[in-house]
Amino acid sequence: MADDKQGRDDQAHDEANRQRAREVEEALERGDEPEPEPVADPETVAALEPALEPLEYPATGSDIVAAVGDAEITAGAETLHVAELIADEPVESFGSPTAVLERVERPTVARAMKRIAEASSDRRDGRLRGSQQEAYEKTFAALAAIDTVDENAPVAAVADWVVGRISETGALPGSRAVRRQAAAHCRDHGYQVQSDEWLGV
């Protein structure tokens, strides 16, 4: 770049852009990423807690649905039953009432996770637990936070891919493979993914 006023202005502009990108990434690392829309109404989510507390944890998806499956939450203009967001399957478990509440407060992510749990319910190595479960959720949350016309589109596309892999291989794909697929989908559709972001693998 030329060492003149225009070159210096361009350098300053580029540095400002890099600084903004760093600030966004730091916010994401702190867990301040935007929630997928529509986010469930906090009051209707909190109302589930008294029925969840008596359960023995870790509790399976089947345990959760038995306890609160008919309960309703609102998300934007939608009214949803918990059973629409949590799979009535033993393949996935939740370590606490808070984990359940955090799942249902993000319906876009919850629906994707439900599809995957149902697809893996009768497969070998079909348990979706621990760090793999957390990584799947984090990947879908990152996809849901992308600024698109339809925030469900990237999430649904990657969930389709995971379900397809389960059908083909009989096993859940590794969390890193899911992140790679999510990143590839974003780049193929013009969504920016930086190398130092969660999806930047």
N, C-alpha and C. Protein backbone atom coordinates (compact mmCIF):
# COMPACT_ATOMS: atom_id res chain seq x y z
N MET A 1 0.85 -1.19 0.00
CA MET A 1 0.00 0.00 0.00
C MET A 1 0.88 1.23 0.00
N ALA A 2 0.52 2.21 -0.83
CA ALA A 2 1.34 3.41 -0.97
C ALA A 2 1.41 4.18 0.33
N ASP A 3 2.63 4.77 0.59
CA ASP A 3 2.82 5.55 1.82
C ASP A 3 2.43 7.01 1.56
N ASP A 4 1.14 7.24 1.31
CA ASP A 4 0.62 8.58 1.11
C ASP A 4 -0.65 8.73 1.93
N LYS A 5 -1.32 9.87 1.83
CA LYS A 5 -2.49 10.10 2.66
C LYS A 5 -3.58 9.05 2.42
N GLN A 6 -3.82 8.73 1.14
CA GLN A 6 -4.86 7.74 0.83
C GLN A 6 -4.49 6.38 1.42
N GLY A 7 -3.19 6.02 1.27
CA GLY A 7 -2.75 4.74 1.81
C GLY A 7 -2.90 4.68 3.32
N ARG A 8 -2.53 5.79 3.99
CA ARG A 8 -2.68 5.82 5.46
C ARG A 8 -4.15 5.77 5.87
N ASP A 9 -5.01 6.47 5.12
CA ASP A 9 -6.45 6.42 5.40
C ASP A 9 -7.00 5.01 5.24
N ASP A 10 -6.56 4.33 4.17
CA ASP A 10 -7.00 2.95 3.94
C ASP A 10 -6.54 2.03 5.06
N GLN A 11 -5.29 2.23 5.51
CA GLN A 11 -4.76 1.42 6.62
C GLN A 11 -5.58 1.65 7.88
N ALA A 12 -5.90 2.91 8.17
CA ALA A 12 -6.69 3.23 9.36
C ALA A 12 -8.08 2.61 9.26
N HIS A 13 -8.67 2.67 8.07
CA HIS A 13 -9.99 2.08 7.86
C HIS A 13 -9.95 0.57 8.08
N ASP A 14 -8.91 -0.08 7.51
CA ASP A 14 -8.76 -1.53 7.67
C ASP A 14 -8.58 -1.90 9.13
N GLU A 15 -7.78 -1.11 9.84
CA GLU A 15 -7.55 -1.39 11.26
C GLU A 15 -8.83 -1.22 12.05
N ALA A 16 -9.63 -0.20 11.71
CA ALA A 16 -10.92 0.00 12.40
C ALA A 16 -11.83 -1.19 12.17
N ASN A 17 -11.84 -1.71 10.94
CA ASN A 17 -12.66 -2.89 10.64
C ASN A 17 -12.18 -4.10 11.43
N ARG A 18 -10.85 -4.26 11.50
CA ARG A 18 -10.30 -5.39 12.27
C ARG A 18 -10.65 -5.26 13.75
N GLN A 19 -10.60 -4.04 14.28
CA GLN A 19 -10.94 -3.81 15.68
C GLN A 19 -12.39 -4.16 15.95
N ARG A 20 -13.31 -3.75 15.06
CA ARG A 20 -14.72 -4.08 15.23
C ARG A 20 -14.91 -5.59 15.21
N ALA A 21 -14.21 -6.28 14.30
CA ALA A 21 -14.31 -7.74 14.22
C ALA A 21 -13.82 -8.38 15.51
N ARG A 22 -12.71 -7.83 16.08
CA ARG A 22 -12.19 -8.37 17.35
C ARG A 22 -13.20 -8.17 18.47
N GLU A 23 -13.85 -7.01 18.50
CA GLU A 23 -14.83 -6.73 19.55
C GLU A 23 -16.02 -7.68 19.46
N VAL A 24 -16.47 -7.95 18.23
CA VAL A 24 -17.58 -8.89 18.04
C VAL A 24 -17.15 -10.28 18.51
N GLU A 25 -15.94 -10.70 18.13
CA GLU A 25 -15.47 -12.02 18.52
C GLU A 25 -15.33 -12.14 20.03
N GLU A 26 -14.83 -11.07 20.69
CA GLU A 26 -14.71 -11.09 22.15
C GLU A 26 -16.08 -11.21 22.80
N ALA A 27 -17.07 -10.54 22.24
CA ALA A 27 -18.44 -10.64 22.77
C ALA A 27 -18.96 -12.06 22.62
N LEU A 28 -18.66 -12.68 21.46
CA LEU A 28 -19.09 -14.07 21.26
C LEU A 28 -18.42 -15.00 22.25
N GLU A 29 -17.13 -14.79 22.48
CA GLU A 29 -16.40 -15.63 23.42
C GLU A 29 -16.96 -15.48 24.84
N ARG A 30 -17.44 -14.27 25.18
CA ARG A 30 -18.02 -14.06 26.51
C ARG A 30 -19.42 -14.65 26.61
N GLY A 31 -19.94 -15.12 25.49
CA GLY A 31 -21.30 -15.66 25.51
C GLY A 31 -22.36 -14.62 25.27
N ASP A 32 -21.99 -13.46 24.69
CA ASP A 32 -22.95 -12.39 24.45
C ASP A 32 -23.56 -12.48 23.05
N GLU A 33 -23.44 -13.63 22.38
CA GLU A 33 -23.93 -13.69 21.02
C GLU A 33 -25.44 -13.50 20.98
N PRO A 34 -25.94 -12.93 19.87
CA PRO A 34 -27.37 -12.72 19.78
C PRO A 34 -28.13 -14.03 19.86
N GLU A 35 -29.26 -14.01 20.52
CA GLU A 35 -30.09 -15.20 20.60
C GLU A 35 -30.82 -15.39 19.27
N PRO A 36 -31.04 -16.64 18.90
CA PRO A 36 -31.85 -16.87 17.71
C PRO A 36 -33.25 -16.34 17.92
N GLU A 37 -33.88 -15.87 16.85
CA GLU A 37 -35.24 -15.34 16.94
C GLU A 37 -36.22 -16.36 16.39
N PRO A 38 -37.43 -16.46 16.92
CA PRO A 38 -37.87 -15.75 18.12
C PRO A 38 -37.39 -16.45 19.37
N VAL A 39 -37.00 -15.68 20.36
CA VAL A 39 -36.60 -16.23 21.65
C VAL A 39 -37.86 -16.43 22.48
N ALA A 40 -37.92 -17.53 23.20
CA ALA A 40 -39.10 -17.81 24.01
C ALA A 40 -39.26 -16.77 25.12
N ASP A 41 -40.49 -16.48 25.45
CA ASP A 41 -40.81 -15.53 26.51
C ASP A 41 -40.24 -16.03 27.84
N PRO A 42 -39.43 -15.23 28.53
CA PRO A 42 -38.78 -15.71 29.76
C PRO A 42 -39.76 -16.16 30.84
N GLU A 43 -40.90 -15.51 30.94
CA GLU A 43 -41.86 -15.89 31.99
C GLU A 43 -42.44 -17.27 31.74
N THR A 44 -42.76 -17.57 30.47
CA THR A 44 -43.33 -18.90 30.19
C THR A 44 -42.27 -19.99 30.35
N VAL A 45 -41.01 -19.63 30.07
CA VAL A 45 -39.92 -20.60 30.29
C VAL A 45 -39.71 -20.82 31.79
N ALA A 46 -39.64 -19.75 32.56
CA ALA A 46 -39.40 -19.86 34.00
C ALA A 46 -40.52 -20.64 34.69
N ALA A 47 -41.73 -20.59 34.14
CA ALA A 47 -42.86 -21.29 34.75
C ALA A 47 -42.68 -22.81 34.72
N LEU A 48 -41.76 -23.30 33.91
CA LEU A 48 -41.51 -24.75 33.84
C LEU A 48 -40.70 -25.25 35.02
N GLU A 49 -39.95 -24.38 35.67
CA GLU A 49 -38.96 -24.81 36.65
C GLU A 49 -39.53 -25.61 37.82
N PRO A 50 -40.66 -25.21 38.42
CA PRO A 50 -41.17 -26.00 39.55
C PRO A 50 -41.44 -27.47 39.21
N ALA A 51 -41.89 -27.73 37.98
CA ALA A 51 -42.16 -29.11 37.58
C ALA A 51 -40.88 -29.87 37.22
N LEU A 52 -39.82 -29.13 36.90
CA LEU A 52 -38.55 -29.76 36.54
C LEU A 52 -37.69 -30.09 37.75
N GLU A 53 -37.78 -29.28 38.79
CA GLU A 53 -36.90 -29.44 39.95
C GLU A 53 -36.97 -30.81 40.62
N PRO A 54 -38.16 -31.44 40.75
CA PRO A 54 -38.19 -32.74 41.45
C PRO A 54 -37.55 -33.90 40.68
N LEU A 55 -37.26 -33.72 39.39
CA LEU A 55 -36.70 -34.82 38.60
C LEU A 55 -35.29 -35.15 39.07
N GLU A 56 -34.90 -36.39 38.83
CA GLU A 56 -33.53 -36.82 39.14
C GLU A 56 -32.65 -36.52 37.93
N TYR A 57 -31.54 -35.84 38.17
CA TYR A 57 -30.65 -35.44 37.09
C TYR A 57 -29.33 -36.20 37.14
N PRO A 58 -28.74 -36.52 35.98
CA PRO A 58 -29.20 -36.12 34.65
C PRO A 58 -30.52 -36.79 34.27
N ALA A 59 -31.39 -36.01 33.64
CA ALA A 59 -32.71 -36.49 33.21
C ALA A 59 -32.72 -36.60 31.70
N THR A 60 -33.32 -37.67 31.20
CA THR A 60 -33.38 -37.87 29.75
C THR A 60 -34.46 -36.98 29.14
N GLY A 61 -34.42 -36.89 27.81
CA GLY A 61 -35.47 -36.19 27.11
C GLY A 61 -36.83 -36.77 27.42
N SER A 62 -36.91 -38.10 27.54
CA SER A 62 -38.18 -38.75 27.88
C SER A 62 -38.67 -38.30 29.25
N ASP A 63 -37.75 -38.17 30.21
CA ASP A 63 -38.13 -37.69 31.55
C ASP A 63 -38.70 -36.28 31.48
N ILE A 64 -38.06 -35.44 30.69
CA ILE A 64 -38.50 -34.04 30.57
C ILE A 64 -39.87 -33.96 29.93
N VAL A 65 -40.08 -34.70 28.85
CA VAL A 65 -41.37 -34.67 28.16
C VAL A 65 -42.47 -35.21 29.06
N ALA A 66 -42.16 -36.25 29.85
CA ALA A 66 -43.17 -36.79 30.76
C ALA A 66 -43.57 -35.76 31.81
N ALA A 67 -42.61 -34.95 32.24
CA ALA A 67 -42.88 -33.97 33.29
C ALA A 67 -43.55 -32.70 32.78
N VAL A 68 -43.08 -32.19 31.62
CA VAL A 68 -43.56 -30.87 31.16
C VAL A 68 -43.88 -30.83 29.67
N GLY A 69 -44.03 -31.98 29.05
CA GLY A 69 -44.24 -32.01 27.60
C GLY A 69 -45.45 -31.23 27.12
N ASP A 70 -46.51 -31.20 27.94
CA ASP A 70 -47.73 -30.48 27.55
C ASP A 70 -47.68 -29.00 27.89
N ALA A 71 -46.68 -28.58 28.65
CA ALA A 71 -46.59 -27.18 29.04
C ALA A 71 -46.34 -26.31 27.82
N GLU A 72 -46.88 -25.10 27.85
CA GLU A 72 -46.76 -24.19 26.72
C GLU A 72 -45.77 -23.06 27.02
N ILE A 73 -45.03 -22.70 25.99
CA ILE A 73 -44.21 -21.49 26.04
C ILE A 73 -44.57 -20.66 24.82
N THR A 74 -44.33 -19.37 24.90
CA THR A 74 -44.57 -18.51 23.75
C THR A 74 -43.24 -18.01 23.21
N ALA A 75 -43.17 -17.93 21.89
CA ALA A 75 -41.98 -17.43 21.21
C ALA A 75 -42.45 -16.59 20.05
N GLY A 76 -42.36 -15.28 20.20
CA GLY A 76 -42.92 -14.40 19.19
C GLY A 76 -44.42 -14.62 19.10
N ALA A 77 -44.90 -14.90 17.91
CA ALA A 77 -46.33 -15.14 17.71
C ALA A 77 -46.71 -16.60 17.90
N GLU A 78 -45.71 -17.45 18.15
CA GLU A 78 -45.96 -18.89 18.29
C GLU A 78 -46.26 -19.28 19.73
N THR A 79 -47.12 -20.26 19.88
CA THR A 79 -47.29 -20.95 21.15
C THR A 79 -46.84 -22.38 20.93
N LEU A 80 -45.87 -22.82 21.71
CA LEU A 80 -45.25 -24.13 21.52
C LEU A 80 -45.38 -24.98 22.77
N HIS A 81 -45.57 -26.28 22.57
CA HIS A 81 -45.49 -27.22 23.68
C HIS A 81 -44.04 -27.67 23.84
N VAL A 82 -43.65 -27.94 25.05
CA VAL A 82 -42.26 -28.39 25.28
C VAL A 82 -41.96 -29.65 24.47
N ALA A 83 -42.95 -30.51 24.29
CA ALA A 83 -42.75 -31.74 23.52
C ALA A 83 -42.40 -31.47 22.06
N GLU A 84 -42.63 -30.25 21.57
CA GLU A 84 -42.22 -29.88 20.22
C GLU A 84 -40.75 -29.50 20.17
N LEU A 85 -40.13 -29.32 21.33
CA LEU A 85 -38.76 -28.82 21.40
C LEU A 85 -37.78 -29.80 22.02
N ILE A 86 -38.28 -30.78 22.74
CA ILE A 86 -37.44 -31.79 23.39
C ILE A 86 -37.88 -33.16 22.88
N ALA A 87 -36.92 -33.98 22.44
CA ALA A 87 -37.26 -35.31 21.94
C ALA A 87 -37.66 -36.24 23.08
N ASP A 88 -38.73 -36.96 22.89
CA ASP A 88 -39.18 -37.96 23.86
C ASP A 88 -38.35 -39.22 23.67
N GLU A 89 -37.07 -39.09 23.93
CA GLU A 89 -36.09 -40.16 23.70
C GLU A 89 -35.08 -40.18 24.84
N PRO A 90 -34.49 -41.35 25.11
CA PRO A 90 -33.47 -41.42 26.16
C PRO A 90 -32.06 -41.10 25.68
N VAL A 91 -31.88 -40.81 24.39
CA VAL A 91 -30.53 -40.65 23.84
C VAL A 91 -29.86 -39.35 24.28
N GLU A 92 -30.67 -38.38 24.71
CA GLU A 92 -30.12 -37.11 25.15
C GLU A 92 -30.50 -36.90 26.60
N SER A 93 -29.59 -36.29 27.37
CA SER A 93 -29.91 -36.02 28.77
C SER A 93 -29.53 -34.59 29.13
N PHE A 94 -30.11 -34.14 30.22
CA PHE A 94 -29.92 -32.77 30.70
C PHE A 94 -29.44 -32.83 32.14
N GLY A 95 -28.41 -32.05 32.45
CA GLY A 95 -27.78 -32.13 33.76
C GLY A 95 -28.50 -31.38 34.87
N SER A 96 -29.44 -30.52 34.52
CA SER A 96 -30.10 -29.70 35.54
C SER A 96 -31.35 -29.07 34.93
N PRO A 97 -32.25 -28.55 35.78
CA PRO A 97 -33.39 -27.80 35.23
C PRO A 97 -32.95 -26.63 34.37
N THR A 98 -31.85 -25.98 34.76
CA THR A 98 -31.35 -24.84 33.98
C THR A 98 -31.01 -25.25 32.55
N ALA A 99 -30.41 -26.43 32.38
CA ALA A 99 -30.07 -26.90 31.03
C ALA A 99 -31.32 -27.07 30.18
N VAL A 100 -32.39 -27.53 30.78
CA VAL A 100 -33.65 -27.69 30.05
C VAL A 100 -34.20 -26.32 29.67
N LEU A 101 -34.20 -25.39 30.62
CA LEU A 101 -34.73 -24.06 30.36
C LEU A 101 -33.92 -23.35 29.27
N GLU A 102 -32.61 -23.52 29.32
CA GLU A 102 -31.77 -22.89 28.29
C GLU A 102 -32.05 -23.47 26.91
N ARG A 103 -32.39 -24.75 26.86
CA ARG A 103 -32.71 -25.37 25.57
C ARG A 103 -34.02 -24.82 25.01
N VAL A 104 -35.08 -24.81 25.81
CA VAL A 104 -36.38 -24.44 25.27
C VAL A 104 -36.51 -22.94 25.02
N GLU A 105 -35.63 -22.13 25.62
CA GLU A 105 -35.73 -20.69 25.37
C GLU A 105 -35.21 -20.32 23.99
N ARG A 106 -34.58 -21.28 23.30
CA ARG A 106 -34.10 -21.05 21.93
C ARG A 106 -34.76 -22.06 20.99
N PRO A 107 -35.99 -21.79 20.56
CA PRO A 107 -36.74 -22.80 19.79
C PRO A 107 -36.06 -23.26 18.51
N THR A 108 -35.36 -22.37 17.81
CA THR A 108 -34.71 -22.77 16.57
C THR A 108 -33.65 -23.84 16.83
N VAL A 109 -32.85 -23.62 17.86
CA VAL A 109 -31.82 -24.60 18.24
C VAL A 109 -32.48 -25.87 18.78
N ALA A 110 -33.51 -25.70 19.60
CA ALA A 110 -34.19 -26.86 20.21
C ALA A 110 -34.78 -27.78 19.16
N ARG A 111 -35.39 -27.21 18.14
CA ARG A 111 -36.00 -28.05 17.09
C ARG A 111 -34.93 -28.85 16.35
N ALA A 112 -33.79 -28.23 16.08
CA ALA A 112 -32.70 -28.95 15.41
C ALA A 112 -32.19 -30.10 16.27
N MET A 113 -31.99 -29.82 17.56
CA MET A 113 -31.50 -30.86 18.47
C MET A 113 -32.52 -31.99 18.61
N LYS A 114 -33.80 -31.64 18.61
CA LYS A 114 -34.86 -32.66 18.70
C LYS A 114 -34.81 -33.59 17.49
N ARG A 115 -34.67 -33.02 16.31
CA ARG A 115 -34.59 -33.83 15.09
C ARG A 115 -33.43 -34.82 15.16
N ILE A 116 -32.29 -34.33 15.65
CA ILE A 116 -31.10 -35.17 15.70
C ILE A 116 -31.28 -36.28 16.74
N ALA A 117 -31.83 -35.94 17.89
CA ALA A 117 -32.06 -36.96 18.92
C ALA A 117 -33.01 -38.04 18.41
N GLU A 118 -34.06 -37.63 17.71
CA GLU A 118 -35.01 -38.61 17.18
C GLU A 118 -34.37 -39.47 16.10
N ALA A 119 -33.54 -38.88 15.26
CA ALA A 119 -32.88 -39.62 14.18
C ALA A 119 -31.88 -40.64 14.71
N SER A 120 -31.29 -40.33 15.87
CA SER A 120 -30.26 -41.22 16.41
C SER A 120 -30.79 -42.19 17.47
N SER A 121 -32.08 -42.18 17.71
CA SER A 121 -32.63 -42.94 18.84
C SER A 121 -32.44 -44.44 18.71
N ASP A 122 -32.44 -44.97 17.49
CA ASP A 122 -32.30 -46.42 17.33
C ASP A 122 -31.00 -46.79 16.62
N ARG A 123 -30.02 -45.92 16.72
CA ARG A 123 -28.74 -46.15 16.04
C ARG A 123 -27.65 -46.49 17.04
N ARG A 124 -26.64 -47.19 16.55
CA ARG A 124 -25.49 -47.44 17.42
C ARG A 124 -24.82 -46.11 17.72
N ASP A 125 -24.21 -46.01 18.87
CA ASP A 125 -23.54 -44.78 19.28
C ASP A 125 -24.47 -43.57 19.16
N GLY A 126 -25.73 -43.76 19.51
CA GLY A 126 -26.71 -42.70 19.34
C GLY A 126 -26.84 -41.76 20.51
N ARG A 127 -26.00 -41.92 21.53
CA ARG A 127 -26.11 -41.06 22.71
C ARG A 127 -25.54 -39.68 22.42
N LEU A 128 -26.37 -38.66 22.65
CA LEU A 128 -25.94 -37.28 22.44
C LEU A 128 -25.79 -36.65 23.82
N ARG A 129 -24.59 -36.69 24.35
CA ARG A 129 -24.35 -36.27 25.73
C ARG A 129 -23.09 -35.43 25.85
N GLY A 130 -22.95 -34.79 27.00
CA GLY A 130 -21.71 -34.12 27.39
C GLY A 130 -21.21 -33.09 26.40
N SER A 131 -19.89 -33.16 26.13
CA SER A 131 -19.26 -32.13 25.31
C SER A 131 -19.77 -32.14 23.88
N GLN A 132 -20.12 -33.31 23.37
CA GLN A 132 -20.65 -33.38 22.01
C GLN A 132 -22.00 -32.66 21.93
N GLN A 133 -22.85 -32.90 22.91
CA GLN A 133 -24.15 -32.23 22.97
C GLN A 133 -23.96 -30.71 23.04
N GLU A 134 -23.05 -30.28 23.90
CA GLU A 134 -22.78 -28.84 24.05
C GLU A 134 -22.26 -28.24 22.75
N ALA A 135 -21.37 -28.97 22.07
CA ALA A 135 -20.80 -28.46 20.83
C ALA A 135 -21.86 -28.36 19.73
N TYR A 136 -22.74 -29.36 19.63
CA TYR A 136 -23.83 -29.29 18.66
C TYR A 136 -24.68 -28.04 18.94
N GLU A 137 -25.06 -27.86 20.21
CA GLU A 137 -25.91 -26.71 20.56
C GLU A 137 -25.20 -25.40 20.23
N LYS A 138 -23.92 -25.31 20.54
CA LYS A 138 -23.18 -24.08 20.28
C LYS A 138 -23.10 -23.80 18.79
N THR A 139 -22.94 -24.85 17.99
CA THR A 139 -22.90 -24.69 16.54
C THR A 139 -24.24 -24.18 16.00
N PHE A 140 -25.33 -24.78 16.47
CA PHE A 140 -26.65 -24.34 16.01
C PHE A 140 -26.97 -22.92 16.50
N ALA A 141 -26.52 -22.59 17.70
CA ALA A 141 -26.74 -21.23 18.21
C ALA A 141 -25.98 -20.22 17.36
N ALA A 142 -24.75 -20.56 16.95
CA ALA A 142 -23.98 -19.67 16.09
C ALA A 142 -24.65 -19.50 14.74
N LEU A 143 -25.19 -20.58 14.20
CA LEU A 143 -25.91 -20.51 12.93
C LEU A 143 -27.17 -19.67 13.06
N ALA A 144 -27.90 -19.86 14.16
CA ALA A 144 -29.15 -19.13 14.36
C ALA A 144 -28.90 -17.64 14.53
N ALA A 145 -27.71 -17.27 14.99
CA ALA A 145 -27.39 -15.87 15.22
C ALA A 145 -26.95 -15.15 13.96
N ILE A 146 -26.75 -15.89 12.86
CA ILE A 146 -26.34 -15.26 11.60
C ILE A 146 -27.47 -14.39 11.10
N ASP A 147 -27.10 -13.23 10.61
CA ASP A 147 -28.09 -12.27 10.10
C ASP A 147 -28.53 -12.68 8.70
N THR A 148 -29.62 -13.43 8.63
CA THR A 148 -30.17 -13.87 7.35
C THR A 148 -31.63 -13.46 7.27
N VAL A 149 -32.20 -13.60 6.09
CA VAL A 149 -33.62 -13.31 5.93
C VAL A 149 -34.43 -14.29 6.77
N ASP A 150 -34.03 -15.54 6.78
CA ASP A 150 -34.72 -16.57 7.57
C ASP A 150 -33.68 -17.23 8.45
N GLU A 151 -33.70 -16.91 9.76
CA GLU A 151 -32.67 -17.43 10.66
C GLU A 151 -32.72 -18.95 10.79
N ASN A 152 -33.85 -19.55 10.40
CA ASN A 152 -33.95 -21.00 10.48
C ASN A 152 -33.19 -21.71 9.37
N ALA A 153 -32.95 -21.01 8.24
CA ALA A 153 -32.41 -21.68 7.06
C ALA A 153 -31.05 -22.35 7.31
N PRO A 154 -30.04 -21.64 7.84
CA PRO A 154 -28.76 -22.32 8.08
C PRO A 154 -28.87 -23.46 9.10
N VAL A 155 -29.68 -23.25 10.14
CA VAL A 155 -29.84 -24.28 11.16
C VAL A 155 -30.49 -25.52 10.55
N ALA A 156 -31.56 -25.31 9.80
CA ALA A 156 -32.28 -26.44 9.19
C ALA A 156 -31.39 -27.19 8.21
N ALA A 157 -30.59 -26.45 7.43
CA ALA A 157 -29.72 -27.09 6.44
C ALA A 157 -28.68 -27.98 7.11
N VAL A 158 -28.08 -27.51 8.19
CA VAL A 158 -27.05 -28.31 8.87
C VAL A 158 -27.71 -29.47 9.64
N ALA A 159 -28.88 -29.24 10.21
CA ALA A 159 -29.59 -30.34 10.86
C ALA A 159 -29.92 -31.43 9.84
N ASP A 160 -30.34 -31.02 8.63
CA ASP A 160 -30.59 -32.00 7.55
C ASP A 160 -29.34 -32.82 7.28
N TRP A 161 -28.19 -32.15 7.24
CA TRP A 161 -26.93 -32.85 6.96
C TRP A 161 -26.62 -33.86 8.07
N VAL A 162 -26.79 -33.45 9.32
CA VAL A 162 -26.52 -34.35 10.44
C VAL A 162 -27.43 -35.57 10.38
N VAL A 163 -28.72 -35.33 10.15
CA VAL A 163 -29.68 -36.44 10.06
C VAL A 163 -29.31 -37.37 8.91
N GLY A 164 -28.88 -36.80 7.79
CA GLY A 164 -28.44 -37.61 6.66
C GLY A 164 -27.24 -38.47 6.99
N ARG A 165 -26.27 -37.89 7.73
CA ARG A 165 -25.08 -38.65 8.13
C ARG A 165 -25.45 -39.79 9.09
N ILE A 166 -26.38 -39.52 9.99
CA ILE A 166 -26.82 -40.57 10.90
C ILE A 166 -27.44 -41.72 10.11
N SER A 167 -28.27 -41.37 9.13
CA SER A 167 -28.91 -42.39 8.29
C SER A 167 -27.89 -43.20 7.50
N GLU A 168 -26.86 -42.53 6.99
CA GLU A 168 -25.85 -43.19 6.16
C GLU A 168 -24.90 -44.05 6.96
N THR A 169 -24.46 -43.54 8.12
CA THR A 169 -23.38 -44.20 8.86
C THR A 169 -23.88 -44.96 10.09
N GLY A 170 -25.09 -44.63 10.55
CA GLY A 170 -25.59 -45.26 11.77
C GLY A 170 -25.03 -44.66 13.04
N ALA A 171 -24.32 -43.53 12.91
CA ALA A 171 -23.72 -42.91 14.09
C ALA A 171 -23.77 -41.39 13.96
N LEU A 172 -23.68 -40.73 15.09
CA LEU A 172 -23.63 -39.27 15.09
C LEU A 172 -22.30 -38.79 14.53
N PRO A 173 -22.31 -37.79 13.67
CA PRO A 173 -21.03 -37.22 13.22
C PRO A 173 -20.35 -36.49 14.36
N GLY A 174 -19.04 -36.44 14.33
CA GLY A 174 -18.29 -35.73 15.37
C GLY A 174 -18.64 -34.25 15.39
N SER A 175 -18.49 -33.65 16.55
CA SER A 175 -18.86 -32.24 16.68
C SER A 175 -18.02 -31.35 15.77
N ARG A 176 -16.76 -31.71 15.55
CA ARG A 176 -15.91 -30.91 14.65
C ARG A 176 -16.40 -31.01 13.21
N ALA A 177 -16.86 -32.20 12.82
CA ALA A 177 -17.40 -32.38 11.47
C ALA A 177 -18.65 -31.53 11.28
N VAL A 178 -19.46 -31.41 12.32
CA VAL A 178 -20.67 -30.59 12.24
C VAL A 178 -20.28 -29.12 12.11
N ARG A 179 -19.28 -28.70 12.87
CA ARG A 179 -18.80 -27.31 12.75
C ARG A 179 -18.27 -27.04 11.35
N ARG A 180 -17.52 -27.99 10.78
CA ARG A 180 -16.99 -27.81 9.43
C ARG A 180 -18.12 -27.68 8.42
N GLN A 181 -19.14 -28.52 8.56
CA GLN A 181 -20.28 -28.45 7.65
C GLN A 181 -21.01 -27.13 7.79
N ALA A 182 -21.16 -26.67 9.03
CA ALA A 182 -21.82 -25.38 9.27
C ALA A 182 -21.03 -24.25 8.63
N ALA A 183 -19.71 -24.28 8.78
CA ALA A 183 -18.86 -23.25 8.18
C ALA A 183 -18.95 -23.29 6.66
N ALA A 184 -18.93 -24.50 6.09
CA ALA A 184 -19.02 -24.64 4.64
C ALA A 184 -20.35 -24.10 4.13
N HIS A 185 -21.43 -24.39 4.85
CA HIS A 185 -22.75 -23.88 4.45
C HIS A 185 -22.74 -22.35 4.45
N CYS A 186 -22.19 -21.78 5.51
CA CYS A 186 -22.15 -20.32 5.60
C CYS A 186 -21.37 -19.72 4.43
N ARG A 187 -20.20 -20.25 4.18
CA ARG A 187 -19.37 -19.69 3.11
C ARG A 187 -20.00 -19.89 1.74
N ASP A 188 -20.63 -21.06 1.54
CA ASP A 188 -21.29 -21.33 0.26
C ASP A 188 -22.46 -20.38 0.00
N HIS A 189 -23.05 -19.85 1.08
CA HIS A 189 -24.21 -18.98 0.93
C HIS A 189 -23.90 -17.51 1.24
N GLY A 190 -22.62 -17.20 1.27
CA GLY A 190 -22.22 -15.80 1.37
C GLY A 190 -22.24 -15.22 2.77
N TYR A 191 -22.35 -16.06 3.81
CA TYR A 191 -22.30 -15.56 5.17
C TYR A 191 -20.85 -15.55 5.63
N GLN A 192 -20.43 -14.46 6.23
CA GLN A 192 -19.04 -14.31 6.63
C GLN A 192 -18.73 -15.17 7.86
N VAL A 193 -17.65 -15.93 7.78
CA VAL A 193 -17.15 -16.71 8.92
C VAL A 193 -15.66 -16.44 9.03
N GLN A 194 -15.25 -15.87 10.15
CA GLN A 194 -13.84 -15.58 10.37
C GLN A 194 -13.14 -16.83 10.95
N SER A 195 -11.86 -16.95 10.68
CA SER A 195 -11.13 -18.14 11.10
C SER A 195 -11.05 -18.28 12.61
N ASP A 196 -11.20 -17.17 13.35
CA ASP A 196 -11.08 -17.25 14.80
C ASP A 196 -12.45 -17.33 15.49
N GLU A 197 -13.52 -17.54 14.72
CA GLU A 197 -14.84 -17.73 15.31
C GLU A 197 -15.10 -19.20 15.57
N TRP A 198 -16.17 -19.50 16.31
CA TRP A 198 -16.52 -20.89 16.61
C TRP A 198 -16.69 -21.71 15.33
N LEU A 199 -17.32 -21.13 14.31
CA LEU A 199 -17.53 -21.84 13.06
C LEU A 199 -16.34 -21.77 12.12
N GLY A 200 -15.31 -21.05 12.50
CA GLY A 200 -14.16 -20.87 11.61
C GLY A 200 -13.16 -22.00 11.70
N VAL A 201 -13.60 -23.22 11.40
CA VAL A 201 -12.70 -24.38 11.47
C VAL A 201 -12.23 -24.76 10.07
